[in-house]
Amino acid sequence: MQLYYAFDEALNELLEEGVATRIARYRKLARLVRNRMRAIRMKFYLREPLWSSTLTAFILPEGVFYDHLHDLLRERGYVIYAGQAQLAESMFRVANMGALAEANITGFLDAFEEALPEAQKRGEGRVKEMEHLQQDRKEKEEREKAEAEAAKKAEEEAARLAKEKALEEAEAKAAGKEIGKASQDEGKSEIKTGA
């Protein structure tokens, strides 16, 4: 029921402003966003013929993470939107629809230009942290691999020594039987000769 009333109110506002006037206002605000973003060398996700009049998608600059940029802008009273699904980490979207005036868009763009260097700085910190974690992980993997190889060599050496010992024992046992048999044979021959 609330959705119906919200939709009804949105239609009333559209009719009050006029469809053509609203479309023109959205196009003007979109141009404002795009011109300022282009001036600071932000890259657009889509080519111009594919642009909407209400939403513009931008590629996140190298080393900038969406959550940092989002949080910094939110602290300043503005909201951006992440890309969806696999695009969540590589792009963000700026909406210029609703009851926004040129002053709102200009305020957002000023805040964006102010927040971007800080987002880049935070991003550098995260990249360094991630590189450090990767290095730690790599060192751990190398250490575990070396330990596994050392354990395998130790097992192989223990198996080789056990095999040598078993062979020596078998040879000693066989030699002992032969000595015992030879002793028995000597004893038998003494008995035969003694009779």
Protein backbone atom coordinates (compact mmCIF):
# COMPACT_ATOMS: atom_id res chain seq x y z
CA MET A 1 0.00 0.00 0.00
CA GLN A 2 2.85 2.40 0.85
CA LEU A 3 4.44 1.65 -2.50
CA TYR A 4 1.23 2.70 -4.24
CA TYR A 5 1.15 6.05 -2.39
CA ALA A 6 4.84 6.68 -3.13
CA PHE A 7 4.28 5.89 -6.81
CA ASP A 8 1.21 8.12 -6.89
CA GLU A 9 3.17 10.99 -5.32
CA ALA A 10 6.05 10.52 -7.78
CA LEU A 11 3.60 10.69 -10.70
CA ASN A 12 2.01 13.85 -9.26
CA GLU A 13 5.45 15.47 -8.98
CA LEU A 14 6.30 14.44 -12.55
CA LEU A 15 3.05 15.89 -13.89
CA GLU A 16 3.54 19.07 -11.87
CA GLU A 17 7.06 19.58 -13.24
CA GLY A 18 6.18 18.33 -16.71
CA VAL A 19 7.76 15.35 -18.47
CA ALA A 20 9.70 17.47 -20.99
CA THR A 21 10.97 19.78 -18.24
CA ARG A 22 12.07 16.85 -16.10
CA ILE A 23 13.91 15.21 -19.01
CA ALA A 24 15.65 18.53 -19.78
CA ARG A 25 16.62 19.00 -16.11
CA TYR A 26 18.06 15.47 -15.89
CA ARG A 27 20.05 16.00 -19.10
CA LYS A 28 21.42 19.30 -17.80
CA LEU A 29 22.46 17.73 -14.47
CA ALA A 30 24.00 14.74 -16.28
CA ARG A 31 26.05 17.11 -18.48
CA LEU A 32 27.24 18.95 -15.38
CA VAL A 33 28.38 15.69 -13.77
CA ARG A 34 30.09 14.45 -16.93
CA ASN A 35 31.83 17.72 -17.77
CA ARG A 36 33.34 18.06 -14.27
CA MET A 37 34.32 14.40 -14.12
CA ARG A 38 35.90 14.63 -17.56
CA ALA A 39 37.83 17.72 -16.41
CA ILE A 40 39.44 15.72 -13.58
CA ARG A 41 40.16 12.86 -16.00
CA MET A 42 37.68 10.34 -14.64
CA LYS A 43 37.09 7.53 -17.11
CA PHE A 44 33.56 6.70 -18.17
CA TYR A 45 32.44 3.08 -18.09
CA LEU A 46 30.25 3.43 -21.19
CA ARG A 47 30.73 5.35 -24.42
CA GLU A 48 28.64 8.49 -24.92
CA PRO A 49 25.91 7.08 -27.14
CA LEU A 50 25.06 4.61 -24.37
CA TRP A 51 24.72 7.17 -21.56
CA SER A 52 21.55 7.58 -19.56
CA SER A 53 20.20 10.97 -18.56
CA THR A 54 19.84 9.85 -14.94
CA LEU A 55 22.90 7.73 -14.10
CA THR A 56 26.56 7.78 -15.13
CA ALA A 57 29.03 4.97 -14.49
CA PHE A 58 32.73 5.67 -13.93
CA ILE A 59 35.74 3.40 -13.67
CA LEU A 60 37.40 3.59 -10.28
CA PRO A 61 40.84 5.20 -10.63
CA GLU A 62 43.88 2.97 -10.13
CA GLY A 63 44.46 2.33 -6.42
CA VAL A 64 41.05 3.69 -5.33
CA PHE A 65 38.67 1.31 -3.59
CA TYR A 66 34.93 1.83 -3.74
CA ASP A 67 34.37 1.54 0.01
CA HIS A 68 36.90 4.30 0.74
CA LEU A 69 35.40 6.66 -1.84
CA HIS A 70 31.84 5.84 -0.76
CA ASP A 71 32.58 6.40 2.93
CA LEU A 72 34.43 9.68 2.33
CA LEU A 73 31.55 11.02 0.24
CA ARG A 74 28.98 9.82 2.74
CA GLU A 75 30.81 11.73 5.47
CA ARG A 76 30.28 14.80 3.30
CA GLY A 77 26.57 14.06 2.82
CA TYR A 78 26.64 12.39 -0.63
CA VAL A 79 26.06 8.86 -1.87
CA ILE A 80 27.52 6.99 -4.84
CA TYR A 81 26.56 3.49 -5.90
CA ALA A 82 28.81 0.49 -6.54
CA GLY A 83 28.79 -1.38 -9.78
CA GLN A 84 26.80 -4.57 -9.66
CA ALA A 85 28.05 -8.18 -9.52
CA GLN A 86 31.55 -8.52 -11.00
CA LEU A 87 31.73 -4.74 -11.55
CA ALA A 88 31.43 -3.91 -7.84
CA GLU A 89 35.19 -3.51 -7.41
CA SER A 90 35.95 -1.69 -10.64
CA MET A 91 33.31 1.00 -11.08
CA PHE A 92 30.87 3.30 -9.33
CA ARG A 93 27.72 5.11 -10.41
CA VAL A 94 26.50 8.65 -9.88
CA ALA A 95 22.75 9.30 -10.04
CA ASN A 96 21.33 12.72 -10.90
CA MET A 97 17.62 11.93 -10.69
CA GLY A 98 14.99 12.89 -8.19
CA ALA A 99 14.53 16.24 -6.54
CA LEU A 100 18.10 17.38 -7.15
CA ALA A 101 19.04 20.90 -8.18
CA GLU A 102 22.21 22.16 -9.82
CA ALA A 103 23.51 23.24 -6.39
CA ASN A 104 23.21 19.62 -5.14
CA ILE A 105 25.23 18.34 -8.09
CA THR A 106 27.86 21.08 -7.77
CA GLY A 107 28.15 20.31 -4.03
CA PHE A 108 28.60 16.63 -4.82
CA LEU A 109 31.27 17.33 -7.43
CA ASP A 110 33.16 19.64 -5.06
CA ALA A 111 33.01 16.93 -2.38
CA PHE A 112 34.15 14.31 -4.91
CA GLU A 113 37.20 16.36 -5.90
CA GLU A 114 38.02 16.86 -2.23
CA ALA A 115 37.53 13.18 -1.31
CA LEU A 116 39.37 11.62 -4.25
CA PRO A 117 42.96 12.38 -3.09
CA GLU A 118 42.15 11.00 0.37
CA ALA A 119 40.61 7.89 -1.20
CA GLN A 120 43.78 7.46 -3.26
CA LYS A 121 45.91 7.79 -0.13
CA ARG A 122 43.80 5.20 1.70
CA GLY A 123 44.00 2.99 -1.36
CA GLU A 124 47.80 3.17 -1.34
CA GLY A 125 47.74 2.05 2.28
CA ARG A 126 45.47 -0.87 1.44
CA VAL A 127 47.62 -1.87 -1.55
CA LYS A 128 50.73 -1.87 0.67
CA GLU A 129 48.88 -3.90 3.28
CA MET A 130 47.72 -6.38 0.64
CA GLU A 131 51.25 -6.64 -0.78
CA HIS A 132 52.58 -7.26 2.73
CA LEU A 133 49.95 -9.96 3.30
CA GLN A 134 50.79 -11.55 -0.06
CA GLN A 135 54.49 -11.54 0.82
CA ASP A 136 53.72 -13.11 4.21
CA ARG A 137 51.55 -15.74 2.51
CA LYS A 138 54.27 -16.48 -0.05
CA GLU A 139 56.92 -16.79 2.66
CA LYS A 140 54.64 -19.08 4.67
CA GLU A 141 54.00 -21.28 1.61
CA GLU A 142 57.74 -21.45 0.87
CA ARG A 143 58.50 -22.28 4.51
CA GLU A 144 55.81 -24.99 4.59
CA LYS A 145 57.10 -26.41 1.30
CA ALA A 146 60.69 -26.49 2.64
CA GLU A 147 59.47 -28.12 5.86
CA ALA A 148 57.49 -30.71 3.89
CA GLU A 149 60.52 -31.47 1.70
CA ALA A 150 62.75 -31.78 4.78
CA ALA A 151 60.21 -34.10 6.44
CA LYS A 152 60.00 -36.20 3.27
CA LYS A 153 63.81 -36.45 3.08
CA ALA A 154 63.92 -37.40 6.77
CA GLU A 155 61.29 -40.10 6.19
CA GLU A 156 63.16 -41.40 3.16
CA GLU A 157 66.43 -41.45 5.14
CA ALA A 158 64.73 -43.22 8.05
CA ALA A 159 63.24 -45.77 5.65
CA ARG A 160 66.65 -46.27 3.97
CA LEU A 161 68.36 -46.75 7.36
CA ALA A 162 65.63 -49.15 8.50
CA LYS A 163 66.04 -51.12 5.27
CA GLU A 164 69.84 -51.23 5.69
CA LYS A 165 69.46 -52.36 9.30
CA ALA A 166 66.96 -55.05 8.33
CA LEU A 167 69.30 -56.22 5.57
CA GLU A 168 72.27 -56.29 7.97
CA GLU A 169 70.20 -58.20 10.52
CA ALA A 170 69.06 -60.64 7.87
CA GLU A 171 72.65 -61.09 6.68
CA ALA A 172 73.84 -61.54 10.29
CA LYS A 173 71.08 -64.02 10.97
CA ALA A 174 71.89 -65.91 7.79
CA ALA A 175 75.59 -65.85 8.68
CA GLY A 176 74.71 -67.06 12.20
CA LYS A 177 72.76 -69.99 10.80
CA GLU A 178 75.62 -70.90 8.53
CA ILE A 179 78.08 -70.72 11.44
CA GLY A 180 75.71 -72.79 13.53
CA LYS A 181 75.25 -75.30 10.71
CA ALA A 182 78.98 -75.40 10.12
CA SER A 183 79.47 -76.04 13.85
CA GLN A 184 76.89 -78.79 13.74
CA ASP A 185 78.49 -80.28 10.67
CA GLU A 186 81.89 -80.22 12.40
CA GLY A 187 80.35 -81.87 15.43
CA LYS A 188 78.79 -84.60 13.26
CA SER A 189 82.05 -85.26 11.52
CA GLU A 190 83.79 -85.53 14.89
CA ILE A 191 81.21 -88.02 15.98
CA LYS A 192 81.63 -90.05 12.84
CA THR A 193 85.35 -90.04 13.14
CA GLY A 194 85.28 -90.80 16.79
CA ALA A 195 83.26 -93.96 16.34
